[in-house]
Each structure stands twice: as C-alpha cells, then as structure tokens.
Protein backbone atom coordinates (compact mmCIF):
# COMPACT_ATOMS: atom_id res chain seq x y z
CA MET A 1 4.56 30.28 -6.41
CA PHE A 2 2.30 27.21 -6.24
CA PHE A 3 3.31 26.60 -2.59
CA SER A 4 2.36 30.22 -1.55
CA LEU A 5 -0.95 29.88 -3.37
CA MET A 6 -1.60 26.64 -1.51
CA ILE A 7 -0.81 28.29 1.86
CA THR A 8 -3.30 31.07 1.03
CA CYS A 9 -5.93 28.44 0.30
CA LEU A 10 -5.33 26.74 3.56
CA LYS A 11 -5.58 29.95 5.53
CA THR A 12 -8.71 30.99 3.66
CA TYR A 13 -10.40 27.78 4.55
CA THR A 14 -9.16 27.77 8.13
CA GLN A 15 -10.90 31.20 8.60
CA ARG A 16 -14.25 29.55 7.87
CA ASN A 17 -13.59 26.49 10.01
CA ASP A 18 -12.58 27.05 13.60
CA GLU A 19 -12.59 23.36 14.50
CA PHE A 20 -9.31 22.46 12.76
CA GLN A 21 -6.30 24.44 11.78
CA ALA A 22 -4.97 23.07 8.50
CA LYS A 23 -1.25 22.72 8.36
CA VAL A 24 1.54 21.73 5.84
CA LEU A 25 3.36 18.63 7.04
CA TYR A 26 5.61 17.84 4.02
CA GLN A 27 6.98 19.98 1.33
CA SER A 28 9.37 19.41 -1.61
CA ASP A 29 9.69 21.03 -5.05
CA HIS A 30 7.27 18.40 -6.44
CA LEU A 31 4.96 17.29 -3.62
CA VAL A 32 3.12 18.98 -0.76
CA ILE A 33 1.09 17.21 1.90
CA SER A 34 -1.20 19.08 4.21
CA GLN A 35 -3.45 17.92 7.07
CA ILE A 36 -6.88 19.43 6.41
CA SER A 37 -8.90 17.63 9.07
CA GLU A 38 -8.37 15.12 11.82
CA ASN A 39 -7.74 12.10 9.63
CA SER A 40 -7.59 13.53 6.07
CA PHE A 41 -4.51 14.78 4.29
CA LEU A 42 -4.40 16.75 1.01
CA HIS A 43 -1.56 15.82 -1.36
CA ILE A 44 -0.57 18.14 -4.22
CA SER A 45 1.71 17.24 -7.10
CA TYR A 46 2.30 19.20 -10.29
CA LEU A 47 1.55 18.19 -13.89
CA GLN A 48 3.09 20.06 -16.77
CA THR A 49 0.46 20.48 -19.49
CA TYR A 50 0.41 21.93 -22.96
CA ASP A 51 -2.81 23.93 -22.63
CA PHE A 52 -2.72 25.02 -18.96
CA GLY A 53 0.96 25.13 -18.06
CA LYS A 54 2.11 23.67 -14.70
CA VAL A 55 -1.08 22.47 -12.89
CA PRO A 56 -1.29 21.61 -9.18
CA CYS A 57 -3.22 18.34 -8.88
CA ASN A 58 -4.97 17.29 -5.69
CA GLY A 59 -5.35 13.86 -4.12
CA LEU A 60 -6.26 12.66 -0.68
CA ILE A 61 -4.86 10.45 2.07
CA ILE A 62 -7.35 9.16 4.62
CA ARG A 63 -6.05 7.38 7.76
CA ASN A 64 -7.65 5.65 10.71
CA GLY A 65 -5.43 4.10 13.36
CA LYS A 66 -2.58 2.38 11.59
CA GLU A 67 -4.33 2.06 8.25
CA ALA A 68 -4.62 4.47 5.30
CA LEU A 69 -6.18 4.82 1.81
CA VAL A 70 -5.14 7.06 -1.08
CA LEU A 71 -7.57 8.70 -3.51
CA ASP A 72 -5.73 9.66 -6.72
CA THR A 73 -2.02 9.14 -7.05
CA PRO A 74 0.53 11.88 -7.46
CA VAL A 75 1.26 12.58 -11.17
CA ASN A 76 4.42 10.34 -11.47
CA ASP A 77 6.20 7.50 -9.81
CA ALA A 78 8.87 9.62 -8.06
CA ASP A 79 6.25 11.68 -6.26
CA ALA A 80 4.21 8.58 -5.55
CA GLU A 81 7.21 6.94 -3.96
CA ALA A 82 7.75 10.02 -1.71
CA LEU A 83 4.10 9.97 -0.71
CA ILE A 84 4.18 6.22 0.12
CA GLN A 85 7.31 6.62 2.16
CA TRP A 86 5.78 9.59 4.06
CA VAL A 87 2.60 7.75 4.93
CA GLN A 88 4.50 4.65 6.12
CA GLU A 89 7.26 6.45 8.07
CA THR A 90 5.57 9.69 9.28
CA LEU A 91 1.96 8.52 9.74
CA GLY A 92 3.09 5.01 10.64
CA CYS A 93 0.26 3.62 8.47
CA GLN A 94 -0.15 0.76 6.09
CA ILE A 95 -1.76 1.85 2.83
CA ASN A 96 -4.68 -0.57 2.22
CA ALA A 97 -5.61 0.64 -1.21
CA VAL A 98 -5.20 3.40 -3.86
CA ILE A 99 -8.22 4.51 -5.92
CA PRO A 100 -7.88 6.64 -9.04
CA THR A 101 -11.12 8.70 -9.43
CA HIS A 102 -10.78 8.69 -13.24
CA PHE A 103 -8.47 7.66 -16.00
CA HIS A 104 -6.47 10.85 -16.57
CA GLU A 105 -2.80 11.15 -15.73
CA ASP A 106 -3.36 13.47 -12.74
CA CYS A 107 -5.24 10.62 -11.03
CA LEU A 108 -3.19 7.49 -11.88
CA GLY A 109 0.24 8.68 -13.18
CA GLY A 110 2.00 7.36 -10.12
CA LEU A 111 0.09 4.06 -10.02
CA PRO A 112 3.12 1.84 -10.90
CA ALA A 113 4.84 2.95 -7.73
CA PHE A 114 1.93 1.73 -5.61
CA GLU A 115 1.97 -1.55 -7.49
CA LYS A 116 5.73 -1.85 -6.89
CA ASN A 117 5.14 -1.43 -3.21
CA GLY A 118 2.42 -4.17 -3.13
CA ILE A 119 -0.45 -1.76 -2.59
CA PRO A 120 -3.66 -2.91 -4.34
CA SER A 121 -5.41 -0.54 -6.73
CA TYR A 122 -9.19 -0.30 -7.37
CA ALA A 123 -11.19 1.70 -9.89
CA ASN A 124 -14.50 1.91 -11.61
CA PHE A 125 -14.66 -0.70 -14.47
CA LYS A 126 -15.05 2.31 -16.85
CA THR A 127 -11.79 3.72 -15.59
CA ILE A 128 -9.95 0.48 -16.21
CA GLU A 129 -11.41 0.30 -19.73
CA LEU A 130 -10.45 3.84 -20.62
CA ALA A 131 -6.99 3.46 -19.08
CA ARG A 132 -6.41 0.43 -21.27
CA ASP A 133 -7.56 2.34 -24.34
CA GLN A 134 -5.10 5.11 -23.52
CA HIS A 135 -2.26 2.67 -22.81
CA THR A 136 -1.62 4.18 -19.44
CA ALA A 137 -1.26 2.58 -16.07
CA VAL A 138 -4.24 0.33 -15.40
CA PRO A 139 -5.80 -0.30 -11.91
CA ALA A 140 -5.75 -4.02 -11.01
CA ASN A 141 -9.20 -4.37 -9.48
CA GLY A 142 -12.61 -3.00 -10.65
CA PHE A 143 -16.03 -2.28 -9.28
CA GLU A 144 -19.34 -1.54 -11.11
CA ASN A 145 -20.82 1.60 -9.52
CA SER A 146 -19.65 1.79 -5.94
CA MET A 147 -17.37 0.13 -3.38
CA THR A 148 -16.89 0.48 0.35
CA PHE A 149 -13.46 0.35 1.78
CA MET A 150 -12.63 -0.16 5.46
CA ILE A 151 -9.89 1.87 6.99
CA GLY A 152 -9.57 0.62 10.58
CA ASP A 153 -13.15 0.74 11.76
CA GLN A 154 -14.18 3.58 9.38
CA ARG A 155 -15.77 3.40 5.98
CA VAL A 156 -14.84 5.21 2.77
CA VAL A 157 -17.49 4.90 0.06
CA VAL A 158 -16.33 5.41 -3.57
CA LYS A 159 -19.22 5.84 -5.95
CA PHE A 160 -20.10 6.78 -9.54
CA TYR A 161 -22.96 9.30 -9.71
CA GLY A 162 -22.86 10.05 -13.40
CA GLU A 163 -20.76 11.59 -16.15
CA GLY A 164 -19.13 15.07 -16.03
CA HIS A 165 -15.46 15.71 -16.27
CA SER A 166 -15.27 12.28 -17.76
CA LYS A 167 -17.36 9.17 -18.41
CA ASP A 168 -15.94 7.37 -15.38
CA ASN A 169 -15.42 10.01 -12.64
CA VAL A 170 -16.20 8.73 -9.17
CA ILE A 171 -16.10 10.54 -5.78
CA GLY A 172 -15.03 9.33 -2.35
CA TYR A 173 -16.89 10.04 0.94
CA PHE A 174 -15.21 9.68 4.28
CA SER A 175 -17.85 9.75 6.99
CA GLY A 176 -15.25 10.03 9.77
CA ASP A 177 -14.41 13.57 8.76
CA ASN A 178 -17.69 14.21 6.78
CA LEU A 179 -15.53 14.89 3.72
CA ILE A 180 -16.02 14.39 0.00
CA PHE A 181 -13.09 14.05 -2.35
CA GLY A 182 -14.65 15.08 -5.63
CA GLY A 183 -11.71 14.89 -7.92
CA CYS A 184 -11.93 16.75 -11.23
CA LEU A 185 -15.78 16.42 -11.26
CA ILE A 186 -15.78 19.29 -8.71
CA LYS A 187 -14.40 22.74 -9.34
CA GLU A 188 -12.83 25.18 -6.85
CA ILE A 189 -14.63 28.47 -6.42
CA GLY A 190 -13.75 30.80 -9.29
CA ALA A 191 -12.30 28.10 -11.53
CA GLY A 192 -12.88 27.91 -15.27
CA LYS A 193 -14.31 24.84 -17.06
CA GLY A 194 -10.83 23.38 -17.63
CA TYR A 195 -10.11 20.49 -19.90
CA LEU A 196 -13.32 19.26 -21.61
CA GLY A 197 -11.89 16.73 -24.06
CA ASP A 198 -13.49 13.80 -22.37
CA ALA A 199 -16.37 15.66 -20.62
CA ASN A 200 -20.14 15.43 -20.75
CA VAL A 201 -21.00 19.01 -20.10
CA ARG A 202 -24.77 18.39 -20.53
CA GLU A 203 -24.84 15.95 -17.64
CA TRP A 204 -22.22 17.57 -15.42
CA SER A 205 -24.61 19.71 -13.35
CA ASN A 206 -27.10 16.85 -12.96
CA THR A 207 -24.37 14.55 -11.69
CA VAL A 208 -23.17 17.08 -9.07
CA ASN A 209 -26.74 17.73 -7.99
CA LEU A 210 -27.14 14.03 -7.24
CA ILE A 211 -24.09 14.24 -4.97
CA LYS A 212 -25.47 17.31 -3.25
CA LYS A 213 -28.76 15.50 -2.52
CA ALA A 214 -26.84 12.40 -1.25
CA TYR A 215 -24.79 14.38 1.17
CA PRO A 216 -26.73 17.54 2.10
CA ASN A 217 -24.68 18.10 5.33
CA VAL A 218 -21.16 17.41 4.01
CA LYS A 219 -18.56 19.58 5.76
CA ILE A 220 -15.47 19.54 3.55
CA ILE A 221 -15.19 19.16 -0.22
CA VAL A 222 -11.94 18.71 -2.01
CA PRO A 223 -11.79 19.36 -5.80
CA GLY A 224 -9.36 17.83 -8.23
CA HIS A 225 -7.47 21.17 -8.56
CA GLY A 226 -7.33 24.20 -6.35
CA ALA A 227 -8.67 25.22 -2.94
CA TYR A 228 -10.94 22.92 -1.00
CA GLY A 229 -14.04 24.27 0.84
CA ASP A 230 -17.62 23.34 1.69
CA SER A 231 -20.84 22.66 -0.24
CA GLN A 232 -20.45 25.93 -2.04
CA LEU A 233 -18.05 24.11 -4.40
CA LEU A 234 -21.04 21.88 -5.45
CA ASP A 235 -23.25 24.93 -6.12
CA TYR A 236 -20.44 26.65 -8.06
CA THR A 237 -19.80 23.63 -10.23
CA MET A 238 -23.50 23.24 -11.01
CA GLU A 239 -23.79 26.80 -11.97
CA LEU A 240 -20.70 26.67 -14.13
CA PHE A 241 -22.10 23.92 -16.27
CA SER A 242 -25.80 24.82 -16.16
CA ASN A 243 -27.68 25.61 -19.44
CA GLN A 244 -25.29 23.56 -21.52
C-alpha cells in the first residue's frame, strides 16, 4: 500500500517537472530509495506509531562524484544498514556525514548503524540536548545555528530558522539541485498537523516564512512525510499553522 502511494507521489511530481523523471531504484518491505533529481535520492522507511499507525518517513541522500551525505536516518538500524550498503555499493559513494534534522525517532532511529560504520554524525546542539534528555541515540558532533558541508565540490547548508515541529528542527539546502529537505517542519500538500507534542505552533508559520524568503526560487522541497513538491509546500504549511 505504502509503495503504491509512493509511486503515485513520484508520478504526480514528474508531471509537473519535465526536466527529470523520478524513479525507484531500491525497494524492500521496509525501505524504498528513489532518485528525485540528478544527485538527490529520497529514502522512505516506516515507523509504527500508536496515534498514526504505520507512518512512511522521508530522508534524503545527496551525492556528488564519489561522496554522499544523508539527511535523517531510516527509522532503525537494520534499514540504516541497508541504506548504507546501497549507497556504498550501488552509488559507489563514501558517506561523509549523517545529519538528523531533529531529535525524534524518525530522524535518528538508525544513527547507531552509521556510527558502527564509522560515519560521523552532526546535529544542532539543541538536537543533541533533546536526544540526551530522551535517552535516544545522540549525534556525536554539534553546531550552533548552521553548518556547511562539502560533498565533492558542492555545498549543503544545514540551518536552524526557528521553532515549529520541534524546538530544534533544521532544514538542509542543496544548491546543486536547488532542493530543500524540510523534514517534519514542512508538510506535504493536504496533510494534517500531525504530532504536536513538541511543537511551537505559534512560531511555525513564521519560521517557514523565513525559509521562503531565504530561498524564493527553490525548485524542489521534500517534507518529512509524504509527497515532495515545490514552494507550494511552504505556502501550505504556513497556511496550516496561521492564526494559531
């Protein structure tokens, strides 16, 4: 069911974007990897939750030459091991870093697998603090508000713009494909508000508005759950949390 929904999402986006035909490159019962632009790959794993059932969770692989970076881990170690092996063997890339975009399980549940494979992890200092408080996997290296990562000769900027889904949520921008990975701060079109237990709903729209102003010409936006798209996802998210 989740796989067929994901295929529909890919086809829907491809109809709006004639420059690249999105395609599924890897599929198992627990992990799907799809190429969504020249050097960006969506990974989807599935988290069983009490309130929302089985939830597909998005992450991103960015590659340039023989180097790669991962934004958000799969939800557990087994899926993370499968992703690492696929990047190394199929893409032929070394993973330079993994960056959880906030402290929830759908972002860092597979972090121990990356550590086991000698892949350094980085996160907002707030993410590290919150992960420690929750007694979950803790990223090894921290940054204050933003950090730039080099993947080959391309930059990926990871930055905190303000609170929303959580106190620590950051986004990643890859200029090579003009793409934002918004994580759970950004909602797919038609989504509900989702889990709000750690949210700042009053600031959510303001935070997303800052992102929109920073990247007025962004081409692709990937949310934490559901279908990716363009800047309409920013507008939808702002509208969803306006007047709070």
